[in-house]
Amino acid sequence: MRTWEKVMYEILTGTQPINEILHQALSDLRLSIKEFAKETRISKSTLYKIMSSQKKDVRLSNVKEIISGIRKIQDNVVENGNSIAMIIDRAALESIKKEIEVDGRTFSIKGYPSTNIEEAIIQGVNAERDGVKAIICGPIAAFTLEKLVRIPVIALKLKPEQIQSALSTVVKNIA
């Protein structure tokens, strides 16, 4: 299910407050309120009020604009044809760039947060459905996704110094 579909479903079922739904959606899209406001006809101040729970009853026109704005953003990422899925935890996603240029070609990095292997596999299938050109994820998920999707899947690999650093940290915490 794409982000705009999740937002629409969550709003209609009322399982969460709209500010939490919107916060999660913007986080998934890796957009600030200011960036999202530029893509929609909703003012920054209205978005800030929604996000801070000051607006409990959001106008239907704003809900429609939120959903269509998210959909437009997602469709634009797919339309440009050069997007790569990055399936990692949310904290790591926030630390990477939104675009990368290689040999004169620009690719957008579309984040798919996951905290476990099942989520990573589901996100990989969603990424393919969203039209990304390739997937980058952890090695265990990559092994399974290679069998499920028809786009290139690349496994992240740890460098020896990263492993040594993690081991040193663990030893210090144990002692």
N, C-alpha and C. Protein backbone atom coordinates (compact mmCIF):
# COMPACT_ATOMS: atom_id res chain seq x y z
N MET A 1 0.85 -1.17 0.00
CA MET A 1 0.00 0.00 0.00
C MET A 1 0.90 1.24 0.00
N ARG A 2 0.63 2.13 -0.92
CA ARG A 2 1.44 3.34 -1.02
C ARG A 2 1.07 4.30 0.10
N THR A 3 1.95 5.28 0.33
CA THR A 3 1.77 6.21 1.46
C THR A 3 0.43 6.93 1.38
N TRP A 4 0.06 7.44 0.22
CA TRP A 4 -1.21 8.18 0.11
C TRP A 4 -2.39 7.26 0.40
N GLU A 5 -2.30 5.99 0.01
CA GLU A 5 -3.38 5.05 0.30
C GLU A 5 -3.47 4.77 1.79
N LYS A 6 -2.30 4.64 2.43
CA LYS A 6 -2.29 4.44 3.89
C LYS A 6 -2.90 5.64 4.60
N VAL A 7 -2.54 6.84 4.17
CA VAL A 7 -3.07 8.06 4.78
C VAL A 7 -4.58 8.10 4.64
N MET A 8 -5.07 7.84 3.44
CA MET A 8 -6.51 7.87 3.21
C MET A 8 -7.22 6.83 4.08
N TYR A 9 -6.67 5.63 4.13
CA TYR A 9 -7.27 4.58 4.95
C TYR A 9 -7.28 4.95 6.43
N GLU A 10 -6.15 5.44 6.92
CA GLU A 10 -6.03 5.80 8.34
C GLU A 10 -6.99 6.93 8.71
N ILE A 11 -7.13 7.91 7.83
CA ILE A 11 -8.04 9.03 8.10
C ILE A 11 -9.48 8.54 8.11
N LEU A 12 -9.84 7.72 7.13
CA LEU A 12 -11.22 7.24 7.04
C LEU A 12 -11.59 6.30 8.19
N THR A 13 -10.65 5.49 8.63
CA THR A 13 -10.98 4.55 9.71
C THR A 13 -10.83 5.19 11.08
N GLY A 14 -10.10 6.29 11.16
CA GLY A 14 -9.94 7.00 12.43
C GLY A 14 -9.13 6.23 13.46
N THR A 15 -8.21 5.38 12.99
CA THR A 15 -7.40 4.58 13.92
C THR A 15 -6.35 5.40 14.66
N GLN A 16 -5.96 6.53 14.08
CA GLN A 16 -4.97 7.41 14.70
C GLN A 16 -5.41 8.86 14.49
N PRO A 17 -4.93 9.77 15.34
CA PRO A 17 -5.19 11.19 15.10
C PRO A 17 -4.52 11.63 13.80
N ILE A 18 -5.12 12.60 13.12
CA ILE A 18 -4.61 13.04 11.82
C ILE A 18 -3.20 13.60 11.92
N ASN A 19 -2.85 14.23 13.06
CA ASN A 19 -1.49 14.77 13.16
C ASN A 19 -0.45 13.65 13.16
N GLU A 20 -0.75 12.52 13.78
CA GLU A 20 0.18 11.38 13.77
C GLU A 20 0.27 10.76 12.37
N ILE A 21 -0.88 10.69 11.70
CA ILE A 21 -0.92 10.13 10.34
C ILE A 21 -0.06 10.99 9.40
N LEU A 22 -0.26 12.31 9.48
CA LEU A 22 0.49 13.22 8.61
C LEU A 22 1.98 13.21 8.96
N HIS A 23 2.29 13.19 10.25
CA HIS A 23 3.70 13.13 10.67
C HIS A 23 4.37 11.88 10.09
N GLN A 24 3.71 10.74 10.18
CA GLN A 24 4.27 9.49 9.66
C GLN A 24 4.45 9.57 8.15
N ALA A 25 3.45 10.13 7.46
CA ALA A 25 3.53 10.24 6.00
C ALA A 25 4.69 11.12 5.57
N LEU A 26 4.84 12.28 6.22
CA LEU A 26 5.94 13.18 5.86
C LEU A 26 7.28 12.55 6.18
N SER A 27 7.34 11.79 7.25
CA SER A 27 8.56 11.09 7.61
C SER A 27 8.90 10.03 6.55
N ASP A 28 7.89 9.28 6.12
CA ASP A 28 8.09 8.27 5.07
C ASP A 28 8.57 8.90 3.77
N LEU A 29 8.02 10.08 3.45
CA LEU A 29 8.40 10.78 2.23
C LEU A 29 9.68 11.60 2.38
N ARG A 30 10.14 11.70 3.65
CA ARG A 30 11.33 12.45 3.99
C ARG A 30 11.19 13.92 3.56
N LEU A 31 10.03 14.49 3.94
CA LEU A 31 9.73 15.89 3.63
C LEU A 31 9.48 16.67 4.90
N SER A 32 9.86 17.93 4.87
CA SER A 32 9.52 18.83 5.96
C SER A 32 8.13 19.41 5.69
N ILE A 33 7.56 20.06 6.68
CA ILE A 33 6.26 20.71 6.49
C ILE A 33 6.39 21.79 5.41
N LYS A 34 7.48 22.53 5.45
CA LYS A 34 7.71 23.59 4.46
C LYS A 34 7.76 23.02 3.04
N GLU A 35 8.47 21.91 2.86
CA GLU A 35 8.56 21.29 1.53
C GLU A 35 7.19 20.78 1.08
N PHE A 36 6.44 20.19 2.02
CA PHE A 36 5.12 19.65 1.69
C PHE A 36 4.16 20.78 1.33
N ALA A 37 4.25 21.89 2.04
CA ALA A 37 3.38 23.04 1.76
C ALA A 37 3.61 23.55 0.34
N LYS A 38 4.85 23.54 -0.13
CA LYS A 38 5.15 23.99 -1.49
C LYS A 38 4.46 23.11 -2.54
N GLU A 39 4.29 21.82 -2.22
CA GLU A 39 3.69 20.87 -3.16
C GLU A 39 2.17 20.87 -3.12
N THR A 40 1.59 21.49 -2.10
CA THR A 40 0.14 21.49 -1.94
C THR A 40 -0.38 22.92 -1.87
N ARG A 41 -1.69 23.04 -1.82
CA ARG A 41 -2.29 24.36 -1.68
C ARG A 41 -2.66 24.63 -0.22
N ILE A 42 -2.00 23.93 0.68
CA ILE A 42 -2.24 24.14 2.11
C ILE A 42 -1.11 25.01 2.65
N SER A 43 -1.46 26.01 3.41
CA SER A 43 -0.44 26.91 3.94
C SER A 43 0.39 26.20 5.01
N LYS A 44 1.61 26.71 5.20
CA LYS A 44 2.47 26.16 6.26
C LYS A 44 1.80 26.28 7.61
N SER A 45 1.15 27.40 7.87
CA SER A 45 0.54 27.60 9.18
C SER A 45 -0.57 26.58 9.43
N THR A 46 -1.36 26.27 8.41
CA THR A 46 -2.41 25.25 8.58
C THR A 46 -1.78 23.89 8.83
N LEU A 47 -0.73 23.56 8.09
CA LEU A 47 -0.06 22.27 8.31
C LEU A 47 0.54 22.19 9.71
N TYR A 48 1.16 23.29 10.16
CA TYR A 48 1.72 23.30 11.52
C TYR A 48 0.62 23.11 12.57
N LYS A 49 -0.54 23.74 12.35
CA LYS A 49 -1.65 23.58 13.29
C LYS A 49 -2.15 22.14 13.31
N ILE A 50 -2.23 21.53 12.14
CA ILE A 50 -2.66 20.12 12.07
C ILE A 50 -1.64 19.24 12.79
N MET A 51 -0.38 19.49 12.52
CA MET A 51 0.69 18.65 13.10
C MET A 51 0.79 18.82 14.62
N SER A 52 0.45 19.99 15.13
CA SER A 52 0.57 20.23 16.57
C SER A 52 -0.72 19.93 17.33
N SER A 53 -1.70 19.35 16.64
CA SER A 53 -3.00 18.98 17.24
C SER A 53 -3.85 20.19 17.59
N GLN A 54 -3.49 21.38 17.14
CA GLN A 54 -4.32 22.56 17.41
C GLN A 54 -5.62 22.49 16.62
N LYS A 55 -5.56 21.80 15.47
CA LYS A 55 -6.76 21.63 14.65
C LYS A 55 -7.23 20.19 14.82
N LYS A 56 -8.26 20.00 15.60
CA LYS A 56 -8.80 18.66 15.83
C LYS A 56 -9.70 18.24 14.67
N ASP A 57 -10.51 19.18 14.17
CA ASP A 57 -11.41 18.91 13.06
C ASP A 57 -10.85 19.56 11.81
N VAL A 58 -10.25 18.76 10.96
CA VAL A 58 -9.62 19.26 9.75
C VAL A 58 -10.66 19.30 8.64
N ARG A 59 -10.68 20.40 7.90
CA ARG A 59 -11.64 20.55 6.80
C ARG A 59 -11.42 19.48 5.75
N LEU A 60 -12.51 19.04 5.14
CA LEU A 60 -12.45 18.02 4.10
C LEU A 60 -11.57 18.47 2.94
N SER A 61 -11.62 19.74 2.59
CA SER A 61 -10.79 20.25 1.49
C SER A 61 -9.30 20.09 1.82
N ASN A 62 -8.93 20.28 3.10
CA ASN A 62 -7.53 20.09 3.50
C ASN A 62 -7.14 18.62 3.46
N VAL A 63 -8.05 17.74 3.88
CA VAL A 63 -7.77 16.30 3.83
C VAL A 63 -7.56 15.87 2.38
N LYS A 64 -8.43 16.34 1.48
CA LYS A 64 -8.29 16.01 0.06
C LYS A 64 -6.94 16.51 -0.48
N GLU A 65 -6.57 17.73 -0.10
CA GLU A 65 -5.31 18.30 -0.58
C GLU A 65 -4.11 17.55 -0.02
N ILE A 66 -4.18 17.11 1.24
CA ILE A 66 -3.10 16.33 1.84
C ILE A 66 -2.92 15.03 1.05
N ILE A 67 -4.01 14.32 0.81
CA ILE A 67 -3.93 13.04 0.10
C ILE A 67 -3.46 13.24 -1.33
N SER A 68 -4.03 14.23 -2.03
CA SER A 68 -3.60 14.45 -3.42
C SER A 68 -2.16 14.95 -3.48
N GLY A 69 -1.73 15.73 -2.49
CA GLY A 69 -0.34 16.18 -2.44
C GLY A 69 0.63 15.03 -2.26
N ILE A 70 0.30 14.12 -1.36
CA ILE A 70 1.16 12.95 -1.14
C ILE A 70 1.20 12.10 -2.40
N ARG A 71 0.04 11.93 -3.01
CA ARG A 71 -0.03 11.12 -4.25
C ARG A 71 0.80 11.77 -5.36
N LYS A 72 0.67 13.08 -5.51
CA LYS A 72 1.43 13.82 -6.53
C LYS A 72 2.93 13.64 -6.31
N ILE A 73 3.37 13.76 -5.07
CA ILE A 73 4.79 13.61 -4.75
C ILE A 73 5.26 12.20 -5.10
N GLN A 74 4.49 11.19 -4.69
CA GLN A 74 4.88 9.81 -4.98
C GLN A 74 4.87 9.54 -6.48
N ASP A 75 3.85 10.02 -7.18
CA ASP A 75 3.78 9.80 -8.63
C ASP A 75 4.92 10.51 -9.35
N ASN A 76 5.32 11.68 -8.87
CA ASN A 76 6.42 12.42 -9.47
C ASN A 76 7.72 11.65 -9.34
N VAL A 77 7.92 11.02 -8.19
CA VAL A 77 9.14 10.23 -7.98
C VAL A 77 9.19 9.09 -8.99
N VAL A 78 8.03 8.45 -9.22
CA VAL A 78 7.99 7.34 -10.16
C VAL A 78 8.08 7.83 -11.60
N GLU A 79 7.43 8.97 -11.92
CA GLU A 79 7.43 9.48 -13.28
C GLU A 79 8.83 9.82 -13.77
N ASN A 80 9.67 10.33 -12.90
CA ASN A 80 10.99 10.70 -13.38
C ASN A 80 11.81 9.48 -13.75
N GLY A 81 11.32 8.31 -13.36
CA GLY A 81 11.92 7.06 -13.80
C GLY A 81 13.26 6.72 -13.20
N ASN A 82 13.81 7.57 -12.39
CA ASN A 82 15.13 7.33 -11.83
C ASN A 82 15.08 7.35 -10.32
N SER A 83 14.38 6.41 -9.74
CA SER A 83 14.36 6.35 -8.28
C SER A 83 14.87 4.98 -7.82
N ILE A 84 15.54 5.01 -6.68
CA ILE A 84 16.12 3.81 -6.08
C ILE A 84 15.54 3.69 -4.67
N ALA A 85 15.12 2.49 -4.32
CA ALA A 85 14.58 2.24 -2.98
C ALA A 85 15.72 1.94 -2.01
N MET A 86 15.64 2.54 -0.85
CA MET A 86 16.60 2.26 0.23
C MET A 86 15.78 1.73 1.39
N ILE A 87 15.96 0.45 1.72
CA ILE A 87 15.19 -0.18 2.79
C ILE A 87 16.12 -0.35 4.00
N ILE A 88 15.98 0.56 4.94
CA ILE A 88 16.77 0.55 6.17
C ILE A 88 15.94 1.18 7.28
N ASP A 89 16.48 1.23 8.49
CA ASP A 89 15.72 1.82 9.59
C ASP A 89 15.57 3.32 9.40
N ARG A 90 14.55 3.88 10.05
CA ARG A 90 14.19 5.29 9.88
C ARG A 90 15.36 6.23 10.20
N ALA A 91 16.09 5.96 11.27
CA ALA A 91 17.20 6.85 11.65
C ALA A 91 18.26 6.90 10.55
N ALA A 92 18.57 5.76 9.98
CA ALA A 92 19.55 5.74 8.89
C ALA A 92 19.02 6.44 7.66
N LEU A 93 17.72 6.29 7.37
CA LEU A 93 17.13 6.97 6.22
C LEU A 93 17.26 8.48 6.33
N GLU A 94 17.09 8.99 7.54
CA GLU A 94 17.16 10.43 7.74
C GLU A 94 18.57 10.97 7.54
N SER A 95 19.56 10.10 7.57
CA SER A 95 20.94 10.56 7.45
C SER A 95 21.46 10.51 6.01
N ILE A 96 20.69 9.97 5.09
CA ILE A 96 21.19 9.88 3.71
C ILE A 96 20.57 10.96 2.84
N LYS A 97 21.22 11.24 1.73
CA LYS A 97 20.76 12.26 0.79
C LYS A 97 19.49 11.78 0.09
N LYS A 98 18.74 12.75 -0.44
CA LYS A 98 17.52 12.42 -1.16
C LYS A 98 17.78 12.15 -2.64
N GLU A 99 18.97 12.54 -3.10
CA GLU A 99 19.34 12.33 -4.50
C GLU A 99 20.81 11.97 -4.60
N ILE A 100 21.13 11.31 -5.68
CA ILE A 100 22.53 10.99 -5.96
C ILE A 100 22.74 11.14 -7.47
N GLU A 101 23.91 11.67 -7.83
CA GLU A 101 24.22 11.81 -9.25
C GLU A 101 25.39 10.90 -9.57
N VAL A 102 25.20 10.08 -10.61
CA VAL A 102 26.23 9.14 -11.06
C VAL A 102 26.33 9.25 -12.58
N ASP A 103 27.51 9.53 -13.07
CA ASP A 103 27.76 9.64 -14.51
C ASP A 103 26.77 10.58 -15.20
N GLY A 104 26.47 11.71 -14.56
CA GLY A 104 25.59 12.70 -15.15
C GLY A 104 24.10 12.39 -15.03
N ARG A 105 23.76 11.28 -14.43
CA ARG A 105 22.34 10.92 -14.23
C ARG A 105 21.98 11.10 -12.77
N THR A 106 20.83 11.73 -12.52
CA THR A 106 20.38 11.96 -11.16
C THR A 106 19.31 10.95 -10.79
N PHE A 107 19.47 10.34 -9.62
CA PHE A 107 18.52 9.37 -9.10
C PHE A 107 17.99 9.87 -7.77
N SER A 108 16.68 9.76 -7.59
CA SER A 108 16.12 10.10 -6.28
C SER A 108 16.18 8.84 -5.40
N ILE A 109 16.45 9.04 -4.13
CA ILE A 109 16.49 7.94 -3.16
C ILE A 109 15.17 7.95 -2.43
N LYS A 110 14.42 6.88 -2.59
CA LYS A 110 13.10 6.77 -1.97
C LYS A 110 13.23 5.85 -0.76
N GLY A 111 12.97 6.41 0.41
CA GLY A 111 13.13 5.66 1.64
C GLY A 111 11.95 4.76 1.96
N TYR A 112 12.26 3.54 2.36
CA TYR A 112 11.26 2.58 2.82
C TYR A 112 11.73 2.07 4.18
N PRO A 113 11.22 2.67 5.26
CA PRO A 113 11.69 2.28 6.59
C PRO A 113 11.23 0.87 6.98
N SER A 114 12.12 0.16 7.65
CA SER A 114 11.75 -1.17 8.18
C SER A 114 12.57 -1.43 9.43
N THR A 115 11.98 -2.19 10.33
CA THR A 115 12.67 -2.52 11.57
C THR A 115 12.88 -4.01 11.74
N ASN A 116 12.35 -4.80 10.81
CA ASN A 116 12.57 -6.25 10.88
C ASN A 116 12.55 -6.84 9.48
N ILE A 117 12.88 -8.11 9.39
CA ILE A 117 13.02 -8.76 8.09
C ILE A 117 11.70 -8.81 7.32
N GLU A 118 10.61 -9.06 8.05
CA GLU A 118 9.31 -9.14 7.38
C GLU A 118 8.94 -7.80 6.74
N GLU A 119 9.13 -6.71 7.50
CA GLU A 119 8.85 -5.38 6.97
C GLU A 119 9.74 -5.08 5.77
N ALA A 120 11.00 -5.47 5.84
CA ALA A 120 11.93 -5.21 4.74
C ALA A 120 11.48 -5.91 3.46
N ILE A 121 11.01 -7.12 3.57
CA ILE A 121 10.55 -7.85 2.39
C ILE A 121 9.28 -7.22 1.83
N ILE A 122 8.35 -6.87 2.71
CA ILE A 122 7.12 -6.21 2.27
C ILE A 122 7.45 -4.87 1.61
N GLN A 123 8.35 -4.11 2.21
CA GLN A 123 8.74 -2.82 1.64
C GLN A 123 9.40 -3.00 0.27
N GLY A 124 10.17 -4.08 0.10
CA GLY A 124 10.79 -4.35 -1.19
C GLY A 124 9.76 -4.60 -2.28
N VAL A 125 8.74 -5.37 -1.94
CA VAL A 125 7.65 -5.62 -2.90
C VAL A 125 6.91 -4.32 -3.20
N ASN A 126 6.65 -3.52 -2.16
CA ASN A 126 6.00 -2.21 -2.36
C ASN A 126 6.85 -1.30 -3.24
N ALA A 127 8.15 -1.32 -3.04
CA ALA A 127 9.04 -0.48 -3.83
C ALA A 127 8.96 -0.85 -5.31
N GLU A 128 8.95 -2.14 -5.59
CA GLU A 128 8.82 -2.56 -6.99
C GLU A 128 7.50 -2.09 -7.57
N ARG A 129 6.42 -2.22 -6.80
CA ARG A 129 5.09 -1.75 -7.25
C ARG A 129 5.09 -0.25 -7.48
N ASP A 130 5.88 0.49 -6.68
CA ASP A 130 5.96 1.94 -6.84
C ASP A 130 6.76 2.35 -8.06
N GLY A 131 7.44 1.42 -8.69
CA GLY A 131 8.16 1.71 -9.92
C GLY A 131 9.61 2.11 -9.77
N VAL A 132 10.24 1.79 -8.64
CA VAL A 132 11.66 2.12 -8.50
C VAL A 132 12.49 1.25 -9.43
N LYS A 133 13.69 1.71 -9.72
CA LYS A 133 14.56 0.99 -10.66
C LYS A 133 15.42 -0.08 -9.99
N ALA A 134 15.66 0.07 -8.68
CA ALA A 134 16.51 -0.88 -7.96
C ALA A 134 16.23 -0.76 -6.46
N ILE A 135 16.68 -1.77 -5.72
CA ILE A 135 16.49 -1.79 -4.27
C ILE A 135 17.84 -2.01 -3.60
N ILE A 136 18.09 -1.24 -2.54
CA ILE A 136 19.25 -1.44 -1.69
C ILE A 136 18.72 -1.78 -0.30
N CYS A 137 19.20 -2.89 0.28
CA CYS A 137 18.72 -3.31 1.59
C CYS A 137 19.76 -4.20 2.27
N GLY A 138 19.43 -4.67 3.46
CA GLY A 138 20.31 -5.56 4.19
C GLY A 138 20.48 -6.89 3.48
N PRO A 139 21.54 -7.63 3.80
CA PRO A 139 21.85 -8.86 3.07
C PRO A 139 20.80 -9.97 3.21
N ILE A 140 20.18 -10.10 4.35
CA ILE A 140 19.20 -11.18 4.52
C ILE A 140 17.95 -10.88 3.70
N ALA A 141 17.48 -9.64 3.77
CA ALA A 141 16.31 -9.25 2.96
C ALA A 141 16.65 -9.33 1.47
N ALA A 142 17.86 -8.93 1.10
CA ALA A 142 18.26 -8.95 -0.31
C ALA A 142 18.19 -10.37 -0.87
N PHE A 143 18.64 -11.34 -0.10
CA PHE A 143 18.62 -12.74 -0.52
C PHE A 143 17.20 -13.17 -0.89
N THR A 144 16.23 -12.80 -0.06
CA THR A 144 14.84 -13.17 -0.32
C THR A 144 14.23 -12.32 -1.43
N LEU A 145 14.49 -11.01 -1.41
CA LEU A 145 13.90 -10.13 -2.42
C LEU A 145 14.36 -10.45 -3.83
N GLU A 146 15.58 -10.92 -3.97
CA GLU A 146 16.07 -11.29 -5.30
C GLU A 146 15.19 -12.35 -5.95
N LYS A 147 14.54 -13.16 -5.13
CA LYS A 147 13.66 -14.21 -5.63
C LYS A 147 12.23 -13.71 -5.88
N LEU A 148 11.89 -12.55 -5.32
CA LEU A 148 10.51 -12.05 -5.40
C LEU A 148 10.30 -10.94 -6.41
N VAL A 149 11.30 -10.10 -6.64
CA VAL A 149 11.12 -8.94 -7.51
C VAL A 149 11.92 -9.09 -8.79
N ARG A 150 11.55 -8.27 -9.78
CA ARG A 150 12.21 -8.35 -11.09
C ARG A 150 13.13 -7.17 -11.36
N ILE A 151 13.53 -6.47 -10.30
CA ILE A 151 14.45 -5.35 -10.45
C ILE A 151 15.73 -5.69 -9.68
N PRO A 152 16.83 -5.00 -9.98
CA PRO A 152 18.08 -5.31 -9.27
C PRO A 152 17.96 -5.06 -7.76
N VAL A 153 18.54 -5.96 -6.98
CA VAL A 153 18.57 -5.84 -5.53
C VAL A 153 20.03 -5.91 -5.10
N ILE A 154 20.45 -4.91 -4.34
CA ILE A 154 21.83 -4.83 -3.88
C ILE A 154 21.84 -4.92 -2.36
N ALA A 155 22.70 -5.80 -1.84
CA ALA A 155 22.81 -5.96 -0.38
C ALA A 155 23.85 -5.01 0.18
N LEU A 156 23.50 -4.36 1.29
CA LEU A 156 24.47 -3.53 1.99
C LEU A 156 25.51 -4.43 2.65
N LYS A 157 26.75 -4.01 2.62
CA LYS A 157 27.82 -4.79 3.23
C LYS A 157 28.55 -3.94 4.26
N LEU A 158 28.85 -4.54 5.38
CA LEU A 158 29.61 -3.84 6.42
C LEU A 158 31.10 -3.93 6.11
N LYS A 159 31.80 -2.85 6.39
CA LYS A 159 33.25 -2.84 6.24
C LYS A 159 33.86 -3.45 7.50
N PRO A 160 35.03 -4.05 7.40
CA PRO A 160 35.68 -4.65 8.58
C PRO A 160 35.84 -3.67 9.74
N GLU A 161 36.15 -2.40 9.42
CA GLU A 161 36.32 -1.42 10.50
C GLU A 161 35.00 -1.12 11.22
N GLN A 162 33.88 -1.21 10.50
CA GLN A 162 32.58 -1.02 11.14
C GLN A 162 32.28 -2.18 12.10
N ILE A 163 32.61 -3.37 11.68
CA ILE A 163 32.41 -4.55 12.54
C ILE A 163 33.29 -4.44 13.78
N GLN A 164 34.56 -4.06 13.58
CA GLN A 164 35.49 -3.91 14.71
C GLN A 164 35.00 -2.84 15.68
N SER A 165 34.50 -1.74 15.15
CA SER A 165 33.98 -0.67 15.99
C SER A 165 32.79 -1.15 16.81
N ALA A 166 31.90 -1.90 16.19
CA ALA A 166 30.74 -2.44 16.90
C ALA A 166 31.18 -3.41 17.99
N LEU A 167 32.15 -4.25 17.68
CA LEU A 167 32.66 -5.19 18.68
C LEU A 167 33.30 -4.46 19.85
N SER A 168 34.07 -3.42 19.57
CA SER A 168 34.69 -2.64 20.63
C SER A 168 33.64 -1.99 21.53
N THR A 169 32.61 -1.45 20.93
CA THR A 169 31.52 -0.84 21.68
C THR A 169 30.84 -1.85 22.58
N VAL A 170 30.59 -3.03 22.06
CA VAL A 170 29.93 -4.08 22.86
C VAL A 170 30.80 -4.48 24.02
N VAL A 171 32.08 -4.68 23.78
CA VAL A 171 33.01 -5.09 24.84
C VAL A 171 33.05 -4.03 25.94
N LYS A 172 33.08 -2.75 25.54
CA LYS A 172 33.09 -1.66 26.55
C LYS A 172 31.80 -1.66 27.37
N ASN A 173 30.69 -1.95 26.73
CA ASN A 173 29.41 -1.96 27.45
C ASN A 173 29.25 -3.17 28.34
N ILE A 174 29.91 -4.25 28.01
CA ILE A 174 29.82 -5.48 28.82
C ILE A 174 30.70 -5.34 30.08
N ALA A 175 31.87 -4.77 29.88
CA ALA A 175 32.85 -4.71 30.97
C ALA A 175 32.49 -3.77 32.07
